[in-house]
């Protein structure tokens, strides 16, 4: 599950800026230069800390596949397939999820995952295994 939920995410859901059922959600990787801050609101706030493109990584991150936002027995969960970067030769400390759909504000942030330490791809696949409870869970 998310280690940080960005403050504005709740507002963006409430005012319709983010639509978790229909928006394209992306996940990007951040270097250890990033200091997690719940007041960051959009991708532009954190872009300076995104890992460099190349070596198996593209600017803006990867599109999350098979995103679900569903309620089961009173538990609402945002989930997706585990993202993977192939031929990864990079180092990342954090991952941030954002919506790539809204134009204003552009690319609002949803949540951030902290790997606990730098993780380095060794030229193979770089996986993020999402928690069994998904990216976000609400009861």
N, C-alpha and C. Protein backbone atom coordinates (compact mmCIF):
# COMPACT_ATOMS: atom_id res chain seq x y z
N UNK A 1 0.83 -1.18 0.00
CA UNK A 1 0.00 0.00 0.00
C UNK A 1 0.88 1.24 0.00
N UNK A 2 0.26 2.34 -0.32
CA UNK A 2 0.99 3.60 -0.42
C UNK A 2 1.64 3.96 0.91
N UNK A 3 2.84 4.50 0.81
CA UNK A 3 3.53 5.00 1.98
C UNK A 3 3.19 6.46 2.23
N UNK A 4 2.64 7.12 1.20
CA UNK A 4 2.23 8.51 1.32
C UNK A 4 1.11 8.74 0.32
N UNK A 5 0.04 9.35 0.78
CA UNK A 5 -1.05 9.78 -0.10
C UNK A 5 -0.96 11.29 -0.18
N UNK A 6 -0.83 11.80 -1.39
CA UNK A 6 -0.69 13.24 -1.56
C UNK A 6 -1.98 13.96 -1.13
N UNK A 7 -1.81 15.07 -0.40
CA UNK A 7 -2.92 15.80 0.19
C UNK A 7 -4.00 16.19 -0.82
N UNK A 8 -3.61 16.70 -1.96
CA UNK A 8 -4.57 17.19 -2.95
C UNK A 8 -5.33 16.07 -3.64
N UNK A 9 -4.86 14.83 -3.52
CA UNK A 9 -5.53 13.70 -4.16
C UNK A 9 -6.99 13.64 -3.74
N UNK A 10 -7.27 13.82 -2.46
CA UNK A 10 -8.65 13.73 -1.97
C UNK A 10 -9.52 14.81 -2.61
N UNK A 11 -8.98 16.02 -2.69
CA UNK A 11 -9.70 17.12 -3.33
C UNK A 11 -9.93 16.82 -4.81
N UNK A 12 -8.88 16.33 -5.48
CA UNK A 12 -8.99 16.03 -6.91
C UNK A 12 -10.02 14.94 -7.19
N UNK A 13 -10.16 13.97 -6.30
CA UNK A 13 -11.20 12.94 -6.46
C UNK A 13 -12.58 13.56 -6.26
N UNK A 14 -12.69 14.38 -5.22
CA UNK A 14 -13.98 15.00 -4.90
C UNK A 14 -14.48 15.96 -5.95
N UNK A 15 -13.58 16.73 -6.57
CA UNK A 15 -14.04 17.72 -7.56
C UNK A 15 -14.05 17.17 -8.99
N UNK A 16 -13.70 15.90 -9.16
CA UNK A 16 -13.76 15.27 -10.47
C UNK A 16 -12.51 15.43 -11.32
N UNK A 17 -11.47 16.08 -10.78
CA UNK A 17 -10.22 16.21 -11.54
C UNK A 17 -9.65 14.83 -11.85
N UNK A 18 -9.67 13.95 -10.87
CA UNK A 18 -9.23 12.57 -11.05
C UNK A 18 -10.45 11.66 -11.06
N UNK A 19 -10.54 10.79 -12.04
CA UNK A 19 -11.59 9.78 -12.12
C UNK A 19 -10.89 8.42 -12.14
N UNK A 20 -10.84 7.76 -11.00
CA UNK A 20 -10.09 6.51 -10.88
C UNK A 20 -10.65 5.39 -11.75
N UNK A 21 -11.91 5.52 -12.19
CA UNK A 21 -12.48 4.51 -13.08
C UNK A 21 -12.01 4.67 -14.52
N UNK A 22 -11.74 5.91 -14.94
CA UNK A 22 -11.51 6.15 -16.36
C UNK A 22 -10.16 6.75 -16.71
N UNK A 23 -9.47 7.38 -15.78
CA UNK A 23 -8.19 8.04 -16.08
C UNK A 23 -7.10 7.02 -16.39
N UNK A 24 -6.12 7.45 -17.15
CA UNK A 24 -4.90 6.68 -17.36
C UNK A 24 -3.97 6.97 -16.20
N UNK A 25 -3.62 5.94 -15.43
CA UNK A 25 -2.72 6.11 -14.29
C UNK A 25 -1.33 5.64 -14.67
N UNK A 26 -0.35 6.40 -14.24
CA UNK A 26 1.05 6.08 -14.53
C UNK A 26 1.83 6.00 -13.23
N UNK A 27 2.96 5.32 -13.29
CA UNK A 27 3.86 5.21 -12.16
C UNK A 27 5.25 5.59 -12.63
N UNK A 28 5.87 6.51 -11.90
CA UNK A 28 7.21 6.97 -12.26
C UNK A 28 8.17 6.68 -11.12
N UNK A 29 9.44 6.64 -11.45
CA UNK A 29 10.47 6.31 -10.46
C UNK A 29 11.25 7.56 -10.07
N UNK A 30 11.54 7.66 -8.78
CA UNK A 30 12.24 8.82 -8.22
C UNK A 30 13.55 8.39 -7.57
N UNK A 31 14.52 9.28 -7.64
CA UNK A 31 15.82 9.04 -7.02
C UNK A 31 15.77 9.34 -5.53
N UNK A 32 16.84 8.99 -4.84
CA UNK A 32 16.91 9.24 -3.40
C UNK A 32 17.10 10.73 -3.07
N UNK A 33 17.18 11.58 -4.07
CA UNK A 33 17.24 13.03 -3.83
C UNK A 33 15.88 13.59 -3.44
N UNK A 34 14.82 12.82 -3.70
CA UNK A 34 13.47 13.26 -3.37
C UNK A 34 13.23 13.15 -1.86
N UNK A 35 12.65 14.18 -1.30
CA UNK A 35 12.20 14.15 0.09
C UNK A 35 10.68 14.07 0.04
N UNK A 36 10.11 12.94 0.46
CA UNK A 36 8.66 12.79 0.39
C UNK A 36 7.94 13.95 1.08
N UNK A 37 6.96 14.50 0.36
CA UNK A 37 6.24 15.67 0.84
C UNK A 37 4.79 15.55 0.40
N UNK A 38 3.89 15.38 1.35
CA UNK A 38 2.48 15.19 1.02
C UNK A 38 1.86 16.42 0.37
N UNK A 39 2.51 17.57 0.46
CA UNK A 39 1.95 18.78 -0.16
C UNK A 39 2.30 18.89 -1.65
N UNK A 40 3.16 18.02 -2.18
CA UNK A 40 3.37 18.00 -3.62
C UNK A 40 2.03 17.63 -4.25
N UNK A 41 1.68 18.30 -5.34
CA UNK A 41 0.35 18.11 -5.90
C UNK A 41 0.33 17.55 -7.31
N UNK A 42 1.35 17.88 -8.10
CA UNK A 42 1.37 17.47 -9.50
C UNK A 42 2.77 16.97 -9.88
N UNK A 43 2.83 16.25 -10.99
CA UNK A 43 4.08 15.69 -11.48
C UNK A 43 5.18 16.75 -11.57
N UNK A 44 4.84 17.95 -11.99
CA UNK A 44 5.83 19.02 -12.12
C UNK A 44 6.53 19.32 -10.78
N UNK A 45 5.86 19.05 -9.66
CA UNK A 45 6.45 19.30 -8.34
C UNK A 45 7.59 18.34 -8.02
N UNK A 46 7.62 17.17 -8.67
CA UNK A 46 8.61 16.15 -8.33
C UNK A 46 9.52 15.79 -9.49
N UNK A 47 9.28 16.37 -10.66
CA UNK A 47 10.00 15.98 -11.88
C UNK A 47 11.52 16.09 -11.74
N UNK A 48 11.99 17.03 -10.93
CA UNK A 48 13.44 17.21 -10.78
C UNK A 48 14.10 15.98 -10.14
N UNK A 49 13.30 15.12 -9.53
CA UNK A 49 13.84 13.95 -8.83
C UNK A 49 13.58 12.64 -9.57
N UNK A 50 12.93 12.74 -10.74
CA UNK A 50 12.69 11.53 -11.54
C UNK A 50 14.03 10.99 -12.03
N UNK A 51 14.16 9.66 -12.04
CA UNK A 51 15.41 9.09 -12.52
C UNK A 51 15.59 9.43 -14.00
N UNK A 52 16.81 9.40 -14.46
CA UNK A 52 17.12 9.77 -15.84
C UNK A 52 16.56 8.75 -16.82
N UNK A 53 16.09 9.26 -17.95
CA UNK A 53 15.62 8.39 -19.01
C UNK A 53 16.79 7.61 -19.60
N UNK A 54 16.49 6.46 -20.14
CA UNK A 54 17.52 5.60 -20.72
C UNK A 54 17.73 4.39 -19.83
N UNK A 55 18.51 3.48 -20.27
CA UNK A 55 18.82 2.27 -19.51
C UNK A 55 17.57 1.53 -19.06
N UNK A 56 16.54 1.53 -19.93
CA UNK A 56 15.32 0.78 -19.62
C UNK A 56 14.22 1.61 -19.00
N UNK A 57 14.39 2.93 -18.88
CA UNK A 57 13.39 3.80 -18.27
C UNK A 57 13.07 4.96 -19.20
N UNK A 58 11.78 5.30 -19.29
CA UNK A 58 11.34 6.44 -20.10
C UNK A 58 10.76 7.52 -19.20
N UNK A 59 11.05 8.77 -19.52
CA UNK A 59 10.52 9.90 -18.75
C UNK A 59 9.01 9.78 -18.64
N UNK A 60 8.49 10.03 -17.46
CA UNK A 60 7.06 9.93 -17.21
C UNK A 60 6.63 8.60 -16.66
N UNK A 61 7.52 7.63 -16.70
CA UNK A 61 7.23 6.33 -16.12
C UNK A 61 6.43 5.42 -17.03
N UNK A 62 5.75 4.47 -16.42
CA UNK A 62 5.00 3.44 -17.15
C UNK A 62 3.52 3.57 -16.86
N UNK A 63 2.71 3.21 -17.84
CA UNK A 63 1.26 3.18 -17.65
C UNK A 63 0.90 1.94 -16.84
N UNK A 64 0.10 2.13 -15.81
CA UNK A 64 -0.36 0.99 -15.01
C UNK A 64 -1.42 0.23 -15.81
N UNK A 65 -1.27 -1.08 -15.82
CA UNK A 65 -2.19 -1.94 -16.57
C UNK A 65 -3.24 -2.56 -15.65
N UNK A 66 -4.41 -2.77 -16.22
CA UNK A 66 -5.51 -3.44 -15.51
C UNK A 66 -5.84 -2.77 -14.19
N UNK A 67 -5.99 -1.46 -14.22
CA UNK A 67 -6.34 -0.70 -13.02
C UNK A 67 -7.78 -1.01 -12.64
N UNK A 68 -7.99 -1.27 -11.36
CA UNK A 68 -9.35 -1.48 -10.85
C UNK A 68 -9.57 -0.56 -9.64
N UNK A 69 -10.76 -0.05 -9.56
CA UNK A 69 -11.20 0.77 -8.43
C UNK A 69 -12.55 0.19 -8.08
N UNK A 70 -12.57 -0.66 -7.05
CA UNK A 70 -13.78 -1.43 -6.79
C UNK A 70 -14.03 -1.58 -5.30
N UNK A 71 -15.32 -1.78 -4.98
CA UNK A 71 -15.74 -2.02 -3.61
C UNK A 71 -16.15 -3.48 -3.49
N UNK A 72 -15.54 -4.16 -2.51
CA UNK A 72 -15.90 -5.54 -2.24
C UNK A 72 -16.17 -5.66 -0.74
N UNK A 73 -17.40 -5.97 -0.40
CA UNK A 73 -17.79 -6.17 1.01
C UNK A 73 -17.39 -4.98 1.89
N UNK A 74 -17.60 -3.77 1.36
CA UNK A 74 -17.33 -2.57 2.15
C UNK A 74 -15.88 -2.10 2.15
N UNK A 75 -15.02 -2.76 1.40
CA UNK A 75 -13.62 -2.35 1.29
C UNK A 75 -13.39 -1.88 -0.14
N UNK A 76 -13.00 -0.61 -0.28
CA UNK A 76 -12.73 -0.04 -1.60
C UNK A 76 -11.23 -0.06 -1.83
N UNK A 77 -10.84 -0.55 -3.02
CA UNK A 77 -9.42 -0.74 -3.29
C UNK A 77 -9.07 -0.26 -4.69
N UNK A 78 -7.94 0.47 -4.79
CA UNK A 78 -7.33 0.82 -6.06
C UNK A 78 -6.18 -0.14 -6.28
N UNK A 79 -6.22 -0.86 -7.38
CA UNK A 79 -5.19 -1.86 -7.64
C UNK A 79 -4.83 -1.87 -9.12
N UNK A 80 -3.74 -2.52 -9.45
CA UNK A 80 -3.28 -2.65 -10.83
C UNK A 80 -2.30 -3.82 -10.88
N UNK A 81 -1.93 -4.18 -12.09
CA UNK A 81 -0.89 -5.19 -12.25
C UNK A 81 0.43 -4.61 -11.74
N UNK A 82 1.31 -5.48 -11.28
CA UNK A 82 2.64 -5.04 -10.84
C UNK A 82 3.39 -4.47 -12.03
N UNK A 83 3.88 -3.22 -11.92
CA UNK A 83 4.64 -2.66 -13.05
C UNK A 83 6.03 -3.29 -13.15
N UNK A 84 6.53 -3.32 -14.39
CA UNK A 84 7.86 -3.89 -14.63
C UNK A 84 8.53 -3.10 -15.74
N UNK A 85 9.81 -2.86 -15.57
CA UNK A 85 10.65 -2.25 -16.59
C UNK A 85 11.67 -3.32 -17.01
N UNK A 86 11.76 -3.59 -18.30
CA UNK A 86 12.71 -4.60 -18.76
C UNK A 86 14.04 -3.93 -19.12
N UNK A 87 15.06 -4.70 -19.18
CA UNK A 87 16.43 -4.23 -19.44
C UNK A 87 16.78 -3.02 -18.57
N UNK A 88 16.42 -3.11 -17.30
CA UNK A 88 16.59 -1.98 -16.37
C UNK A 88 18.01 -1.92 -15.83
N UNK A 89 18.66 -0.81 -16.06
CA UNK A 89 19.99 -0.55 -15.50
C UNK A 89 19.95 0.83 -14.86
N UNK A 90 19.14 0.95 -13.82
CA UNK A 90 18.98 2.23 -13.14
C UNK A 90 18.76 1.99 -11.66
N UNK A 91 18.82 3.06 -10.88
CA UNK A 91 18.60 2.99 -9.44
C UNK A 91 17.45 3.92 -9.08
N UNK A 92 16.53 3.44 -8.25
CA UNK A 92 15.39 4.23 -7.80
C UNK A 92 15.15 3.98 -6.32
N UNK A 93 14.60 4.97 -5.63
CA UNK A 93 14.28 4.84 -4.21
C UNK A 93 12.76 4.87 -3.98
N UNK A 94 12.05 5.63 -4.83
CA UNK A 94 10.60 5.82 -4.66
C UNK A 94 9.89 5.62 -5.99
N UNK A 95 8.59 5.41 -5.90
CA UNK A 95 7.71 5.42 -7.07
C UNK A 95 6.51 6.29 -6.74
N UNK A 96 6.08 7.08 -7.70
CA UNK A 96 4.90 7.93 -7.50
C UNK A 96 3.87 7.59 -8.56
N UNK A 97 2.61 7.55 -8.15
CA UNK A 97 1.49 7.26 -9.04
C UNK A 97 0.76 8.57 -9.30
N UNK A 98 0.42 8.79 -10.58
CA UNK A 98 -0.31 10.01 -10.93
C UNK A 98 -1.29 9.72 -12.05
N UNK A 99 -2.24 10.64 -12.24
CA UNK A 99 -3.17 10.53 -13.35
C UNK A 99 -2.62 11.32 -14.53
N UNK A 100 -2.54 10.66 -15.67
CA UNK A 100 -2.02 11.28 -16.89
C UNK A 100 -3.14 11.88 -17.73
N UNK A 101 -4.36 11.92 -17.22
CA UNK A 101 -5.52 12.34 -18.00
C UNK A 101 -5.88 13.83 -17.87
N UNK A 102 -6.02 14.38 -16.67
CA UNK A 102 -6.49 15.77 -16.57
C UNK A 102 -5.52 16.77 -17.21
N UNK A 103 -6.11 17.84 -17.76
CA UNK A 103 -5.30 18.90 -18.33
C UNK A 103 -5.07 20.03 -17.33
N UNK A 104 -5.99 20.20 -16.39
CA UNK A 104 -5.83 21.26 -15.40
C UNK A 104 -6.35 20.78 -14.05
N UNK A 105 -5.49 20.60 -13.09
CA UNK A 105 -4.05 20.68 -13.23
C UNK A 105 -3.53 19.43 -13.95
N UNK A 106 -2.45 19.59 -14.67
CA UNK A 106 -1.87 18.48 -15.41
C UNK A 106 -1.19 17.50 -14.47
N UNK A 107 -1.43 16.22 -14.70
CA UNK A 107 -0.73 15.14 -14.02
C UNK A 107 -0.78 15.21 -12.49
N UNK A 108 -2.00 15.22 -11.90
CA UNK A 108 -2.10 15.26 -10.45
C UNK A 108 -1.58 13.97 -9.80
N UNK A 109 -0.88 14.15 -8.67
CA UNK A 109 -0.30 13.02 -7.95
C UNK A 109 -1.36 12.32 -7.10
N UNK A 110 -1.19 11.02 -6.95
CA UNK A 110 -2.10 10.20 -6.14
C UNK A 110 -1.38 9.71 -4.88
N UNK A 111 -0.34 8.93 -5.06
CA UNK A 111 0.36 8.35 -3.92
C UNK A 111 1.81 8.05 -4.26
N UNK A 112 2.59 7.73 -3.23
CA UNK A 112 4.00 7.44 -3.39
C UNK A 112 4.34 6.16 -2.63
N UNK A 113 5.23 5.36 -3.21
CA UNK A 113 5.72 4.14 -2.57
C UNK A 113 7.19 4.34 -2.23
N UNK A 114 7.57 3.97 -1.02
CA UNK A 114 8.96 4.08 -0.56
C UNK A 114 9.54 2.67 -0.53
N UNK A 115 10.61 2.44 -1.29
CA UNK A 115 11.24 1.12 -1.31
C UNK A 115 12.06 0.84 -0.07
N UNK A 116 12.28 1.86 0.78
CA UNK A 116 13.05 1.69 2.01
C UNK A 116 14.54 1.86 1.82
N UNK A 117 15.00 1.73 0.60
CA UNK A 117 16.42 1.90 0.24
C UNK A 117 16.48 1.96 -1.28
N UNK A 118 17.61 2.37 -1.80
CA UNK A 118 17.79 2.36 -3.25
C UNK A 118 17.69 0.94 -3.77
N UNK A 119 17.03 0.79 -4.91
CA UNK A 119 16.94 -0.49 -5.59
C UNK A 119 17.51 -0.30 -6.99
N UNK A 120 18.34 -1.24 -7.42
CA UNK A 120 19.03 -1.11 -8.69
C UNK A 120 18.70 -2.27 -9.61
N UNK A 121 18.36 -1.93 -10.86
CA UNK A 121 18.16 -2.94 -11.88
C UNK A 121 19.53 -3.40 -12.38
N UNK A 122 19.65 -4.67 -12.66
CA UNK A 122 20.93 -5.24 -13.08
C UNK A 122 20.90 -5.63 -14.55
N UNK A 123 20.14 -4.88 -15.35
CA UNK A 123 20.05 -5.18 -16.77
C UNK A 123 18.89 -6.09 -17.12
N UNK A 124 18.22 -6.61 -16.12
CA UNK A 124 17.06 -7.47 -16.34
C UNK A 124 15.79 -6.71 -16.01
N UNK A 125 14.80 -7.40 -15.47
CA UNK A 125 13.53 -6.78 -15.13
C UNK A 125 13.60 -6.10 -13.76
N UNK A 126 13.01 -4.92 -13.67
CA UNK A 126 12.86 -4.17 -12.43
C UNK A 126 11.38 -4.17 -12.11
N UNK A 127 11.00 -4.93 -11.08
CA UNK A 127 9.60 -5.09 -10.70
C UNK A 127 9.27 -4.23 -9.49
N UNK A 128 8.03 -3.77 -9.44
CA UNK A 128 7.46 -3.25 -8.20
C UNK A 128 6.31 -4.19 -7.88
N UNK A 129 6.42 -4.89 -6.78
CA UNK A 129 5.35 -5.78 -6.36
C UNK A 129 4.41 -4.99 -5.48
N UNK A 130 3.21 -4.73 -5.99
CA UNK A 130 2.24 -3.96 -5.24
C UNK A 130 1.70 -4.80 -4.08
N UNK A 131 1.36 -4.13 -3.01
CA UNK A 131 0.83 -4.78 -1.81
C UNK A 131 -0.46 -5.54 -2.16
N UNK A 132 -0.72 -6.62 -1.44
CA UNK A 132 -1.92 -7.42 -1.67
C UNK A 132 -3.19 -6.59 -1.49
N UNK A 133 -3.11 -5.52 -0.70
CA UNK A 133 -4.26 -4.62 -0.51
C UNK A 133 -4.32 -3.53 -1.58
N UNK A 134 -3.47 -3.62 -2.59
CA UNK A 134 -3.49 -2.65 -3.68
C UNK A 134 -2.70 -1.40 -3.38
N UNK A 135 -2.87 -0.40 -4.21
CA UNK A 135 -2.19 0.89 -4.02
C UNK A 135 -2.85 1.68 -2.89
N UNK A 136 -4.18 1.66 -2.86
CA UNK A 136 -4.95 2.36 -1.84
C UNK A 136 -6.10 1.48 -1.40
N UNK A 137 -6.41 1.50 -0.12
CA UNK A 137 -7.54 0.75 0.41
C UNK A 137 -8.28 1.63 1.41
N UNK A 138 -9.60 1.60 1.33
CA UNK A 138 -10.42 2.38 2.25
C UNK A 138 -11.53 1.48 2.78
N UNK A 139 -11.75 1.53 4.07
CA UNK A 139 -12.84 0.75 4.66
C UNK A 139 -13.93 1.64 5.17
